[in-house]
Amino acid sequence: MDSKSTNRIKGLAHYDFAYMWRICLVAAMGGLLFGYDWVVIGGAKPFYEPFFNISDNTPFLRGFAQSSALFGCIIGAVLSGMLTDKFGRKRLLVLSGFLFTVSATGTGLAWGFGAFIFFRVIGGLGIGLASNLSPMYIAEISPAELRGRFVSINQLTIVIGILAAQIANLLIAQPVPEGATEQFILDSWNGQYGWRWMFGAETVPAFAFFVLMFFIPESPRWLVKYGKSSLAEKILTKLGGAEYAHEQTQNIKNTLASEEIARVNFKDLIEPKMTKIIALGVFLAVFQQWCGINVIFNYAQEVFAAAGYGVSDMLFNVVITGVVNLVATFVAIYTVDRVGRKALMLIGAGGLVCFYGMLGTGYFFESKGIHMLILIVLAIGCYAMSLAPVTWVLISEIFPNRIRGAAMSIAVLSLWIACTVLTLTFPYLKETLGAHGAFWTFGGICVFGFIFMYYKLPETKGKSLEDIERQLVD
């Protein structure tokens, strides 16, 4: 082992990693539920649509059913921005666990389309809260040199949630014969009960998250902002020792003016220096969605059908993409604090330009088969090791202490609005431009994103949240 690695290990020796892992993993369960709730609908789609009489002739209902949870996400993100700097991270994460539990149970028991939409929106509220608060909480409690890795764990749990939903859908669904009609699916076990179990399976982890959140501490940075420095120092001492706790507490205080303690002032958000940082966060959040990968998860049936696969093959192929998604996320966890945030974001955008170009060409020539699946898998892997996790790392660390809760909620709100627009418009985009035109459009967006990030995105690896604040604000 070289001297640099030895010094790094010595420098980290004072941290209580067991305690740090416990609280970060519990907080990251919000990501797991976010991933499951968000993706489970893609596998259930071929079965609940005939049940609710949704077809190609009702594109609005199809898009509305797919995006209903996203409307809840938007509301949840707004609520998070209004409440998290006042009530803290922990209480709202507890609330999100409760909402996930209600949604999973209610959607599985939905007696009509209105009830289905209602409980999907409730789940969306949980996603909106958890997607904002889980990475923020982890970023605020992690040491600077390990923050990228720990925040990426939230993305890892999102991916595990996605894979869990994909596997659950595959295991729950009974085989569907090639060329099965909608009436056949409606009359089958899948059409009557299977899709309900796909949603209901989320109840167990959702309730576990709700209970476990009562046993983790509040964010020390929020506690300092709210005038509870002694309690914050006690938590930080448990994380890294007395010297670390004292140093971090003083560092946090130095970024807060005395009049900002125990105060939330939304006017701070419109200061010129702050709006510049918020605009960067909003761009990163929107770009993560409009790069287009999520249509593969939300519209797996259409994407794989265009590549020549039936319903049963689609469910299996989706699991393959989930496994690749998981493996690639481990690559991000390993590299984000070594290679850096900016480099990974550029690799992700550049890689998607290439893969989308080839996918669009394949769809244009109506090419079908395993090579199309490979291109889809490679695109997902590229996204999972770069844009997916690193965006969450960046938007959880670039905002100053005094506005972090409200500013991050603006970025997350923008992310969910962008995701809603993407989900609602993809059926029309595919109908108008074809699958090839849709992926070429996403490729063009990735070209723009690459250029913007090359010139405007700073590197933040290895810096404390307070050092990043000084770099961007001063």
Protein backbone atom coordinates (compact mmCIF):
# COMPACT_ATOMS: atom_id res chain seq x y z
CA MET A 1 0.00 0.00 0.00
CA ASP A 2 1.50 3.41 -0.95
CA SER A 3 2.02 6.29 1.50
CA LYS A 4 -0.85 8.30 0.02
CA SER A 5 -3.32 5.46 0.67
CA THR A 6 -1.90 4.95 4.17
CA ASN A 7 -2.32 8.64 5.01
CA ARG A 8 -5.86 8.58 3.66
CA ILE A 9 -6.78 5.65 5.92
CA LYS A 10 -5.21 7.36 8.94
CA GLY A 11 -7.10 10.54 8.15
CA LEU A 12 -10.40 8.65 8.21
CA ALA A 13 -9.65 6.52 11.26
CA HIS A 14 -11.47 8.77 13.75
CA TYR A 15 -14.87 8.35 12.09
CA ASP A 16 -17.44 5.92 13.47
CA PHE A 17 -18.25 4.29 10.15
CA ALA A 18 -20.68 1.75 11.63
CA TYR A 19 -22.86 4.56 13.01
CA MET A 20 -22.49 6.60 9.84
CA TRP A 21 -23.51 3.68 7.65
CA ARG A 22 -26.54 2.89 9.80
CA ILE A 23 -28.05 6.34 9.63
CA CYS A 24 -27.17 6.88 5.96
CA LEU A 25 -28.69 3.54 4.94
CA VAL A 26 -31.91 4.26 6.82
CA ALA A 27 -32.15 7.71 5.21
CA ALA A 28 -31.37 6.14 1.83
CA MET A 29 -34.37 3.83 2.17
CA GLY A 30 -36.31 6.86 0.97
CA GLY A 31 -34.39 6.41 -2.30
CA LEU A 32 -35.28 2.71 -2.43
CA LEU A 33 -38.99 3.48 -2.11
CA PHE A 34 -38.63 6.33 -4.59
CA GLY A 35 -37.13 3.89 -7.12
CA TYR A 36 -39.71 1.16 -6.55
CA ASP A 37 -42.76 3.43 -6.59
CA TRP A 38 -41.52 5.29 -9.63
CA VAL A 39 -40.80 2.25 -11.82
CA VAL A 40 -43.31 -0.40 -10.71
CA ILE A 41 -45.98 1.19 -12.90
CA GLY A 42 -43.97 0.40 -16.05
CA GLY A 43 -44.30 -3.37 -15.52
CA ALA A 44 -47.90 -3.13 -14.30
CA LYS A 45 -48.91 -1.00 -17.30
CA PRO A 46 -49.86 -3.85 -19.72
CA PHE A 47 -52.25 -5.22 -17.07
CA TYR A 48 -53.90 -2.25 -15.36
CA GLU A 49 -54.59 -0.51 -18.69
CA PRO A 50 -57.12 -3.12 -19.88
CA PHE A 51 -58.62 -3.16 -16.38
CA PHE A 52 -59.29 0.59 -16.55
CA ASN A 53 -60.17 0.52 -20.27
CA ILE A 54 -57.10 2.51 -21.34
CA SER A 55 -55.94 1.95 -24.92
CA ASP A 56 -54.22 3.55 -27.92
CA ASN A 57 -57.44 5.51 -28.44
CA THR A 58 -57.04 7.25 -25.05
CA PRO A 59 -53.48 8.67 -25.12
CA PHE A 60 -54.34 11.29 -22.51
CA LEU A 61 -55.49 8.69 -19.97
CA ARG A 62 -52.39 6.61 -20.72
CA GLY A 63 -50.08 9.55 -20.11
CA PHE A 64 -52.10 10.70 -17.08
CA ALA A 65 -51.93 7.28 -15.43
CA GLN A 66 -48.18 7.10 -16.04
CA SER A 67 -47.51 10.63 -14.81
CA SER A 68 -50.03 10.91 -11.94
CA ALA A 69 -47.39 10.11 -9.32
CA LEU A 70 -45.22 12.81 -10.83
CA PHE A 71 -47.86 15.45 -10.04
CA GLY A 72 -47.57 14.28 -6.43
CA CYS A 73 -43.78 14.57 -6.73
CA ILE A 74 -44.14 18.21 -7.70
CA ILE A 75 -46.40 18.95 -4.74
CA GLY A 76 -44.06 17.02 -2.42
CA ALA A 77 -41.05 19.00 -3.62
CA VAL A 78 -42.92 22.27 -3.01
CA LEU A 79 -43.92 21.16 0.49
CA SER A 80 -40.35 20.15 1.19
CA GLY A 81 -39.09 23.59 0.22
CA MET A 82 -41.68 25.30 2.41
CA LEU A 83 -41.23 23.08 5.46
CA THR A 84 -37.78 21.47 5.65
CA ASP A 85 -35.84 24.57 6.77
CA LYS A 86 -38.45 25.14 9.47
CA PHE A 87 -39.23 21.64 10.72
CA GLY A 88 -36.03 19.79 9.81
CA ARG A 89 -35.13 16.84 7.61
CA LYS A 90 -36.08 13.98 9.94
CA ARG A 91 -39.76 14.79 10.52
CA LEU A 92 -40.49 15.13 6.84
CA LEU A 93 -38.69 11.87 6.06
CA VAL A 94 -40.93 10.19 8.65
CA LEU A 95 -43.92 11.70 6.84
CA SER A 96 -42.67 10.40 3.49
CA GLY A 97 -42.46 6.87 4.94
CA PHE A 98 -46.08 7.14 6.05
CA LEU A 99 -47.18 8.38 2.61
CA PHE A 100 -45.37 5.52 0.84
CA THR A 101 -47.15 3.01 3.10
CA VAL A 102 -50.59 4.51 2.42
CA SER A 103 -49.93 4.69 -1.32
CA ALA A 104 -48.71 1.10 -1.68
CA THR A 105 -51.70 -0.26 0.22
CA GLY A 106 -54.27 1.98 -1.48
CA THR A 107 -53.04 1.46 -5.04
CA GLY A 108 -53.07 -2.29 -4.59
CA LEU A 109 -56.68 -2.11 -3.38
CA ALA A 110 -57.87 0.60 -5.83
CA TRP A 111 -61.56 0.08 -6.66
CA GLY A 112 -61.64 2.44 -9.64
CA PHE A 113 -59.48 4.66 -11.85
CA GLY A 114 -60.06 7.70 -9.61
CA ALA A 115 -58.85 5.81 -6.52
CA PHE A 116 -55.88 4.48 -8.50
CA ILE A 117 -54.85 8.02 -9.46
CA PHE A 118 -55.43 9.33 -5.92
CA PHE A 119 -53.14 6.80 -4.28
CA ARG A 120 -50.51 7.20 -7.01
CA VAL A 121 -50.48 10.93 -6.24
CA ILE A 122 -50.06 10.12 -2.53
CA GLY A 123 -47.05 7.98 -3.44
CA GLY A 124 -45.76 10.86 -5.53
CA LEU A 125 -45.92 13.12 -2.47
CA GLY A 126 -43.69 10.61 -0.69
CA ILE A 127 -41.28 10.56 -3.64
CA GLY A 128 -41.20 14.37 -3.77
CA LEU A 129 -40.25 14.56 -0.11
CA ALA A 130 -37.79 11.65 -0.07
CA SER A 131 -36.04 12.58 -3.33
CA ASN A 132 -35.30 16.01 -1.87
CA LEU A 133 -34.55 15.13 1.73
CA SER A 134 -32.70 11.79 1.61
CA PRO A 135 -29.66 13.02 -0.39
CA MET A 136 -29.70 16.36 1.44
CA TYR A 137 -29.70 14.67 4.85
CA ILE A 138 -26.87 12.31 3.83
CA ALA A 139 -24.82 15.19 2.40
CA GLU A 140 -25.24 17.20 5.60
CA ILE A 141 -24.16 14.38 7.86
CA SER A 142 -21.23 12.99 5.79
CA PRO A 143 -17.56 14.10 6.00
CA ALA A 144 -16.30 16.06 2.99
CA GLU A 145 -13.86 13.44 1.69
CA LEU A 146 -16.57 10.76 1.64
CA ARG A 147 -19.67 12.82 0.84
CA GLY A 148 -19.86 11.86 -2.83
CA ARG A 149 -19.70 8.19 -1.96
CA PHE A 150 -22.32 8.39 0.77
CA VAL A 151 -24.75 10.52 -1.26
CA SER A 152 -24.30 8.08 -4.15
CA ILE A 153 -25.58 5.38 -1.79
CA ASN A 154 -28.95 7.12 -2.09
CA GLN A 155 -28.78 6.62 -5.85
CA LEU A 156 -27.74 3.00 -5.24
CA THR A 157 -30.86 2.42 -3.17
CA ILE A 158 -32.95 4.10 -5.90
CA VAL A 159 -31.48 1.62 -8.37
CA ILE A 160 -32.07 -1.28 -5.96
CA GLY A 161 -35.68 -0.10 -5.66
CA ILE A 162 -35.96 0.02 -9.45
CA LEU A 163 -34.50 -3.49 -9.76
CA ALA A 164 -36.74 -4.78 -6.95
CA ALA A 165 -39.80 -3.44 -8.77
CA GLN A 166 -38.65 -5.01 -12.03
CA ILE A 167 -38.00 -8.40 -10.41
CA ALA A 168 -41.30 -8.24 -8.49
CA ASN A 169 -43.16 -7.49 -11.72
CA LEU A 170 -41.44 -10.40 -13.47
CA LEU A 171 -42.11 -12.87 -10.63
CA ILE A 172 -45.70 -11.77 -10.02
CA ALA A 173 -46.84 -11.67 -13.65
CA GLN A 174 -47.93 -14.98 -15.16
CA PRO A 175 -46.58 -15.69 -18.69
CA VAL A 176 -48.44 -13.83 -21.44
CA PRO A 177 -48.82 -15.71 -24.76
CA GLU A 178 -47.35 -14.01 -27.82
CA GLY A 179 -50.02 -11.89 -29.53
CA ALA A 180 -52.40 -11.98 -26.54
CA THR A 181 -55.32 -9.57 -26.94
CA GLU A 182 -56.27 -6.92 -24.41
CA GLN A 183 -59.43 -8.90 -23.61
CA PHE A 184 -57.34 -11.99 -22.88
CA ILE A 185 -55.11 -9.97 -20.53
CA LEU A 186 -58.14 -8.37 -18.84
CA ASP A 187 -59.70 -11.77 -18.14
CA SER A 188 -56.42 -13.25 -16.86
CA TRP A 189 -55.11 -13.29 -13.29
CA ASN A 190 -52.62 -10.60 -14.32
CA GLY A 191 -55.37 -8.26 -15.44
CA GLN A 192 -57.52 -8.73 -12.35
CA TYR A 193 -55.07 -9.23 -9.48
CA GLY A 194 -51.43 -9.40 -10.60
CA TRP A 195 -50.93 -5.68 -11.10
CA ARG A 196 -52.38 -5.05 -7.62
CA TRP A 197 -49.71 -7.23 -5.99
CA MET A 198 -47.02 -5.36 -7.95
CA PHE A 199 -48.00 -2.13 -6.20
CA GLY A 200 -48.90 -3.71 -2.86
CA ALA A 201 -45.51 -5.41 -2.46
CA GLU A 202 -44.06 -1.99 -1.57
CA THR A 203 -45.98 -1.89 1.72
CA VAL A 204 -43.39 -3.88 3.72
CA PRO A 205 -40.29 -1.74 2.98
CA ALA A 206 -42.40 1.44 3.19
CA PHE A 207 -43.58 0.63 6.72
CA ALA A 208 -40.04 -0.40 7.73
CA PHE A 209 -38.72 2.98 6.55
CA PHE A 210 -41.45 4.80 8.47
CA VAL A 211 -40.52 3.02 11.71
CA LEU A 212 -36.72 3.18 11.35
CA MET A 213 -36.71 6.92 10.65
CA PHE A 214 -37.71 7.53 14.29
CA PHE A 215 -34.33 6.12 15.38
CA ILE A 216 -31.92 8.34 13.41
CA PRO A 217 -30.74 11.83 14.49
CA GLU A 218 -31.64 15.16 12.96
CA SER A 219 -29.20 16.78 10.53
CA PRO A 220 -26.49 18.60 12.55
CA ARG A 221 -26.33 21.42 10.00
CA TRP A 222 -30.05 22.06 10.38
CA LEU A 223 -29.67 21.96 14.16
CA VAL A 224 -26.92 24.61 14.06
CA LYS A 225 -29.02 26.79 11.77
CA TYR A 226 -31.90 26.46 14.19
CA GLY A 227 -29.83 27.47 17.20
CA LYS A 228 -29.27 23.97 18.65
CA SER A 229 -25.49 23.86 18.40
CA SER A 230 -24.94 21.72 21.50
CA LEU A 231 -27.18 18.96 20.15
CA ALA A 232 -25.50 19.20 16.74
CA GLU A 233 -22.07 18.92 18.34
CA LYS A 234 -23.20 15.85 20.28
CA ILE A 235 -24.23 14.12 17.03
CA LEU A 236 -21.02 15.15 15.26
CA THR A 237 -18.98 13.87 18.20
CA LYS A 238 -20.59 10.47 17.78
CA LEU A 239 -19.74 10.59 14.08
CA GLY A 240 -16.12 11.76 14.26
CA GLY A 241 -14.95 12.61 17.76
CA ALA A 242 -14.87 15.79 19.85
CA GLU A 243 -12.26 17.65 17.79
CA TYR A 244 -14.09 16.96 14.54
CA ALA A 245 -17.41 18.00 16.10
CA HIS A 246 -16.06 21.31 17.42
CA GLU A 247 -14.36 22.16 14.11
CA GLN A 248 -17.45 21.33 12.04
CA THR A 249 -19.83 23.21 14.34
CA GLN A 250 -17.69 26.35 14.16
CA ASN A 251 -17.33 26.01 10.39
CA ILE A 252 -21.11 25.79 9.97
CA LYS A 253 -21.65 28.79 12.26
CA ASN A 254 -19.17 30.83 10.22
CA THR A 255 -21.39 30.49 7.13
CA LEU A 256 -24.44 31.78 9.00
CA ALA A 257 -24.87 35.37 10.07
CA SER A 258 -26.20 35.75 13.62
CA GLU A 259 -29.55 36.98 12.36
CA GLU A 260 -29.91 33.83 10.23
CA ILE A 261 -29.97 31.47 13.21
CA ALA A 262 -33.44 29.99 13.74
CA ARG A 263 -34.76 31.94 10.76
CA VAL A 264 -35.95 31.02 7.28
CA ASN A 265 -35.96 33.95 4.84
CA PHE A 266 -37.05 33.08 1.33
CA LYS A 267 -35.88 36.51 0.15
CA ASP A 268 -32.34 35.10 0.31
CA LEU A 269 -33.21 32.97 -2.70
CA ILE A 270 -33.43 36.01 -5.00
CA GLU A 271 -30.04 37.48 -4.12
CA PRO A 272 -28.02 37.69 -7.39
CA LYS A 273 -25.27 35.36 -6.12
CA MET A 274 -27.84 32.85 -4.94
CA THR A 275 -29.94 32.89 -8.12
CA LYS A 276 -26.84 31.99 -10.14
CA ILE A 277 -26.23 28.88 -7.99
CA ILE A 278 -29.92 27.95 -8.00
CA ALA A 279 -30.01 28.27 -11.80
CA LEU A 280 -27.09 25.85 -12.04
CA GLY A 281 -28.90 23.37 -9.78
CA VAL A 282 -32.10 23.69 -11.80
CA PHE A 283 -30.22 23.07 -15.05
CA LEU A 284 -28.56 19.93 -13.68
CA ALA A 285 -31.90 18.60 -12.39
CA VAL A 286 -33.77 19.25 -15.64
CA PHE A 287 -30.96 17.86 -17.76
CA GLN A 288 -30.89 14.63 -15.74
CA GLN A 289 -34.50 14.06 -16.89
CA TRP A 290 -34.50 15.51 -20.39
CA CYS A 291 -31.48 13.43 -21.36
CA GLY A 292 -34.28 10.89 -21.93
CA ILE A 293 -33.24 7.66 -20.21
CA ASN A 294 -36.32 7.50 -18.02
CA VAL A 295 -38.65 6.86 -20.94
CA ILE A 296 -37.06 3.41 -21.13
CA PHE A 297 -38.31 2.68 -17.60
CA ASN A 298 -41.69 4.37 -17.85
CA TYR A 299 -42.49 3.19 -21.39
CA ALA A 300 -40.58 -0.10 -21.46
CA GLN A 301 -43.42 -1.82 -23.32
CA GLU A 302 -43.32 0.64 -26.23
CA VAL A 303 -39.51 0.92 -26.36
CA PHE A 304 -38.95 -2.84 -26.42
CA ALA A 305 -41.94 -3.51 -28.70
CA ALA A 306 -40.35 -1.19 -31.25
CA ALA A 307 -37.21 -3.33 -30.95
CA GLY A 308 -39.23 -6.51 -31.61
CA TYR A 309 -40.02 -7.87 -28.11
CA GLY A 310 -43.35 -9.07 -26.63
CA VAL A 311 -44.77 -8.45 -23.13
CA SER A 312 -43.10 -11.40 -21.36
CA ASP A 313 -39.77 -10.70 -23.10
CA MET A 314 -40.16 -7.04 -22.14
CA LEU A 315 -40.46 -7.88 -18.43
CA PHE A 316 -37.31 -10.02 -18.63
CA ASN A 317 -35.38 -7.40 -20.61
CA VAL A 318 -36.35 -4.74 -18.08
CA VAL A 319 -34.77 -6.86 -15.34
CA ILE A 320 -31.58 -7.03 -17.41
CA THR A 321 -31.53 -3.23 -17.63
CA GLY A 322 -32.08 -3.08 -13.86
CA VAL A 323 -29.08 -5.33 -13.17
CA VAL A 324 -26.87 -3.20 -15.43
CA ASN A 325 -28.24 -0.10 -13.72
CA LEU A 326 -27.20 -1.54 -10.34
CA VAL A 327 -23.70 -2.61 -11.42
CA ALA A 328 -23.01 0.75 -13.09
CA THR A 329 -24.07 2.60 -9.93
CA PHE A 330 -21.29 0.81 -8.03
CA VAL A 331 -18.90 2.25 -10.61
CA ALA A 332 -20.19 5.72 -9.75
CA ILE A 333 -19.81 5.12 -6.01
CA TYR A 334 -16.19 4.04 -6.56
CA THR A 335 -15.26 6.92 -8.88
CA VAL A 336 -17.25 9.96 -7.73
CA ASP A 337 -14.74 10.95 -4.99
CA ARG A 338 -11.77 9.93 -7.13
CA VAL A 339 -12.49 11.04 -10.70
CA GLY A 340 -14.72 13.92 -9.64
CA ARG A 341 -18.24 15.14 -10.33
CA LYS A 342 -17.62 17.19 -13.47
CA ALA A 343 -15.68 14.50 -15.32
CA LEU A 344 -18.40 11.91 -14.71
CA MET A 345 -21.14 14.29 -15.84
CA LEU A 346 -19.26 14.97 -19.10
CA ILE A 347 -18.64 11.26 -19.66
CA GLY A 348 -22.34 10.59 -19.16
CA ALA A 349 -23.56 13.29 -21.54
CA GLY A 350 -20.99 12.41 -24.22
CA GLY A 351 -21.68 8.70 -23.96
CA LEU A 352 -25.44 9.17 -24.34
CA VAL A 353 -24.91 11.26 -27.49
CA CYS A 354 -23.15 8.25 -29.06
CA PHE A 355 -25.61 5.59 -27.88
CA TYR A 356 -28.68 7.65 -28.82
CA GLY A 357 -27.25 8.25 -32.26
CA MET A 358 -26.91 4.50 -32.82
CA LEU A 359 -30.30 3.70 -31.25
CA GLY A 360 -32.07 6.30 -33.38
CA THR A 361 -30.41 4.91 -36.50
CA GLY A 362 -31.47 1.39 -35.55
CA TYR A 363 -35.10 2.44 -35.02
CA PHE A 364 -35.03 4.46 -38.26
CA PHE A 365 -34.13 1.36 -40.26
CA GLU A 366 -36.60 -0.74 -38.20
CA SER A 367 -33.75 -2.90 -36.96
CA LYS A 368 -34.85 -5.47 -34.36
CA GLY A 369 -33.08 -7.96 -32.14
CA ILE A 370 -30.43 -8.42 -29.49
CA HIS A 371 -28.20 -5.60 -30.76
CA MET A 372 -30.96 -3.08 -29.97
CA LEU A 373 -31.25 -4.48 -26.44
CA ILE A 374 -27.47 -4.14 -26.06
CA LEU A 375 -27.57 -0.47 -27.11
CA ILE A 376 -30.39 0.23 -24.64
CA VAL A 377 -28.44 -1.53 -21.87
CA LEU A 378 -25.26 0.41 -22.69
CA ALA A 379 -27.15 3.72 -22.60
CA ILE A 380 -28.64 2.86 -19.20
CA GLY A 381 -25.22 1.81 -17.88
CA CYS A 382 -23.68 5.07 -19.07
CA TYR A 383 -26.44 7.06 -17.35
CA ALA A 384 -26.26 5.02 -14.13
CA MET A 385 -22.53 5.60 -13.64
CA SER A 386 -22.72 9.33 -14.27
CA LEU A 387 -25.76 11.59 -14.67
CA ALA A 388 -28.11 9.59 -12.42
CA PRO A 389 -26.10 9.60 -9.16
CA VAL A 390 -23.80 12.57 -9.67
CA THR A 391 -26.67 15.01 -10.28
CA TRP A 392 -28.05 14.15 -6.84
CA VAL A 393 -24.59 14.60 -5.31
CA LEU A 394 -24.19 18.02 -6.91
CA ILE A 395 -27.60 19.44 -6.06
CA SER A 396 -27.20 18.25 -2.46
CA GLU A 397 -23.87 20.06 -2.00
CA ILE A 398 -23.75 23.25 -4.09
CA PHE A 399 -26.32 25.29 -2.16
CA PRO A 400 -25.30 27.44 0.86
CA ASN A 401 -26.27 26.34 4.38
CA ARG A 402 -28.73 29.15 4.98
CA ILE A 403 -30.86 28.32 1.91
CA ARG A 404 -30.06 24.65 1.28
CA GLY A 405 -33.49 23.23 2.09
CA ALA A 406 -35.45 25.75 0.02
CA ALA A 407 -32.92 25.90 -2.83
CA MET A 408 -32.65 22.14 -3.18
CA SER A 409 -36.42 21.86 -3.21
CA ILE A 410 -36.47 24.27 -6.17
CA ALA A 411 -33.98 22.03 -8.00
CA VAL A 412 -35.93 18.87 -7.12
CA LEU A 413 -39.22 20.57 -8.07
CA SER A 414 -37.66 21.41 -11.44
CA LEU A 415 -36.52 17.80 -11.79
CA TRP A 416 -40.02 16.45 -11.23
CA ILE A 417 -41.64 19.03 -13.52
CA ALA A 418 -39.12 18.02 -16.20
CA CYS A 419 -39.86 14.34 -15.55
CA THR A 420 -43.61 14.99 -15.78
CA VAL A 421 -43.21 16.84 -19.07
CA LEU A 422 -41.03 14.02 -20.41
CA THR A 423 -43.49 11.33 -19.35
CA LEU A 424 -46.56 13.16 -20.66
CA THR A 425 -45.03 14.11 -24.00
CA PHE A 426 -43.18 10.91 -24.95
CA PRO A 427 -46.29 9.18 -26.43
CA TYR A 428 -46.87 12.24 -28.63
CA LEU A 429 -43.15 12.61 -29.41
CA LYS A 430 -42.95 8.96 -30.46
CA GLU A 431 -46.15 9.27 -32.50
CA THR A 432 -44.95 12.45 -34.25
CA LEU A 433 -41.23 11.77 -34.75
CA GLY A 434 -41.10 8.01 -34.36
CA ALA A 435 -38.83 6.19 -31.90
CA HIS A 436 -35.81 7.19 -33.98
CA GLY A 437 -36.71 10.89 -33.91
CA ALA A 438 -37.34 10.78 -30.16
CA PHE A 439 -33.89 9.34 -29.39
CA TRP A 440 -32.17 11.70 -31.81
CA THR A 441 -33.92 14.57 -30.02
CA PHE A 442 -32.60 13.33 -26.67
CA GLY A 443 -29.14 13.09 -28.25
CA GLY A 444 -29.33 16.74 -29.27
CA ILE A 445 -30.27 17.70 -25.70
CA CYS A 446 -27.22 15.77 -24.45
CA VAL A 447 -24.95 17.70 -26.83
CA PHE A 448 -26.22 20.97 -25.35
CA GLY A 449 -25.82 19.64 -21.81
CA PHE A 450 -22.23 18.58 -22.46
CA ILE A 451 -21.27 22.03 -23.74
CA PHE A 452 -22.98 23.84 -20.85
CA MET A 453 -21.39 21.67 -18.16
CA TYR A 454 -17.95 21.89 -19.76
CA TYR A 455 -17.93 25.66 -19.35
CA LYS A 456 -20.17 26.26 -16.30
CA LEU A 457 -19.94 23.31 -13.89
CA PRO A 458 -17.33 23.64 -11.08
CA GLU A 459 -15.57 20.66 -9.49
CA THR A 460 -16.60 20.04 -5.88
CA LYS A 461 -14.94 16.77 -4.92
CA GLY A 462 -13.08 16.68 -1.58
CA LYS A 463 -14.44 20.04 -0.38
CA SER A 464 -16.59 20.64 2.68
CA LEU A 465 -20.06 22.08 2.12
CA GLU A 466 -18.81 25.31 3.64
CA ASP A 467 -15.78 25.43 1.31
CA ILE A 468 -18.06 24.88 -1.69
CA GLU A 469 -20.26 27.71 -0.44
CA ARG A 470 -17.26 30.06 -0.25
CA GLN A 471 -16.13 29.01 -3.73
CA LEU A 472 -19.52 29.65 -5.35
CA VAL A 473 -20.76 32.65 -3.35
CA ASP A 474 -17.70 34.74 -2.52
